[in-house]
Protein backbone atom coordinates (compact mmCIF):
# COMPACT_ATOMS: atom_id res chain seq x y z
CA MET A 1 -8.52 1.04 -8.35
CA LYS A 2 -5.38 0.43 -10.42
CA PHE A 3 -3.32 -1.14 -7.59
CA ALA A 4 -6.37 -3.77 -6.99
CA LYS A 5 -6.44 -4.29 -10.83
CA TRP A 6 -2.84 -4.95 -10.87
CA LEU A 7 -3.04 -7.42 -8.11
CA TYR A 8 -5.65 -9.36 -9.54
CA ASN A 9 -3.98 -9.52 -12.80
CA LEU A 10 -0.78 -11.17 -11.42
CA SER A 11 -0.04 -14.63 -12.16
CA ASN A 12 0.44 -17.23 -9.57
CA THR A 13 4.20 -17.14 -9.92
CA ASP A 14 4.38 -13.55 -9.34
CA GLN A 15 2.02 -13.71 -6.33
CA TYR A 16 4.23 -16.52 -4.75
CA ILE A 17 7.36 -14.07 -5.33
CA LEU A 18 5.61 -11.09 -3.76
CA ILE A 19 4.74 -13.50 -0.74
CA GLY A 20 8.41 -14.47 -0.56
CA PHE A 21 9.74 -11.16 -0.85
CA PHE A 22 7.58 -10.08 1.85
CA ILE A 23 8.62 -12.91 4.20
CA ALA A 24 12.35 -11.99 3.54
CA SER A 25 11.38 -8.32 4.15
CA LEU A 26 9.99 -9.04 7.56
CA GLY A 27 13.53 -10.57 8.33
CA LEU A 28 15.16 -7.58 7.04
CA SER A 29 12.69 -5.28 8.76
CA TYR A 30 13.25 -6.95 12.23
CA LEU A 31 17.03 -6.84 11.65
CA THR A 32 16.90 -2.97 10.82
CA ILE A 33 14.95 -2.28 13.70
CA THR A 34 17.08 -4.33 16.11
CA MET A 35 20.21 -2.36 14.63
CA LEU A 36 18.41 1.04 15.30
CA ARG A 37 17.61 -0.18 18.71
CA ALA A 38 21.15 -1.04 19.40
CA TRP A 39 22.53 2.30 17.72
CA HIS A 40 20.20 4.31 19.94
CA LEU A 41 21.27 2.59 23.13
CA LYS A 42 24.81 3.30 22.28
CA ILE A 43 24.18 6.83 21.62
CA HIS A 44 22.12 7.41 24.69
CA GLY A 45 23.65 4.90 27.00
CA SER A 46 21.84 4.38 30.30
CA ASP A 47 20.16 7.99 30.36
CA LYS A 48 17.38 7.49 32.79
CA TYR A 49 15.21 10.19 30.83
CA SER A 50 15.73 8.52 27.26
CA HIS A 51 12.90 6.55 26.01
CA GLU A 52 13.01 2.76 25.25
CA MET A 53 12.73 1.80 21.56
CA ARG A 54 10.50 -1.19 20.87
CA VAL A 55 9.74 -3.55 17.88
CA THR A 56 5.96 -2.97 17.15
CA PRO A 57 4.06 -4.97 14.65
CA PHE A 58 3.00 -1.59 12.91
CA GLY A 59 6.74 -0.69 12.44
CA LEU A 60 7.76 -4.03 11.64
CA VAL A 61 5.14 -4.47 8.79
CA GLY A 62 5.51 -0.84 7.70
CA VAL A 63 9.32 -1.40 6.95
CA ALA A 64 8.83 -4.67 5.66
CA LEU A 65 6.33 -3.38 3.15
CA LEU A 66 9.14 -0.51 2.05
CA TYR A 67 11.70 -3.32 1.60
CA SER A 68 9.36 -5.84 -0.26
CA VAL A 69 8.41 -2.80 -2.67
CA ILE A 70 11.98 -1.99 -3.22
CA LEU A 71 12.76 -5.85 -3.73
CA TYR A 72 10.13 -6.28 -6.37
CA MET A 73 10.57 -3.20 -8.26
CA SER A 74 14.33 -3.94 -8.50
CA ILE A 75 14.67 -7.84 -8.95
CA GLY A 76 11.16 -8.87 -9.18
CA GLU A 77 11.08 -9.20 -13.30
CA THR A 78 14.28 -11.07 -13.39
CA VAL A 79 13.17 -13.61 -10.47
CA THR A 80 10.11 -14.20 -12.28
CA LYS A 81 11.67 -14.89 -15.64
CA TRP A 82 14.12 -17.25 -13.62
CA ILE A 83 11.53 -19.08 -12.12
CA ILE A 84 9.29 -19.47 -15.28
CA GLY A 85 12.63 -20.81 -17.04
CA ILE A 86 13.24 -23.32 -14.26
CA THR A 87 9.80 -24.81 -14.31
CA GLN A 88 9.38 -25.18 -18.07
């Protein structure tokens, strides 16, 4: 219940920043999964018994959520102050 109250009490600026961080995190997530896939292919080569690593929506959104939490916790307050300073 605390998480829902926190989301409800966010200002519009904070909500837009969270959405922006999540969109940026989707790109970082896709890049991370692609790099892991390339590393996996390099390690296993063309071994016929190795499984194929795919980019699934669940994995993409899961990694993106982790990235967005890390981004918001590390630079969210600074970005919020910066945007509020620009708009006033």
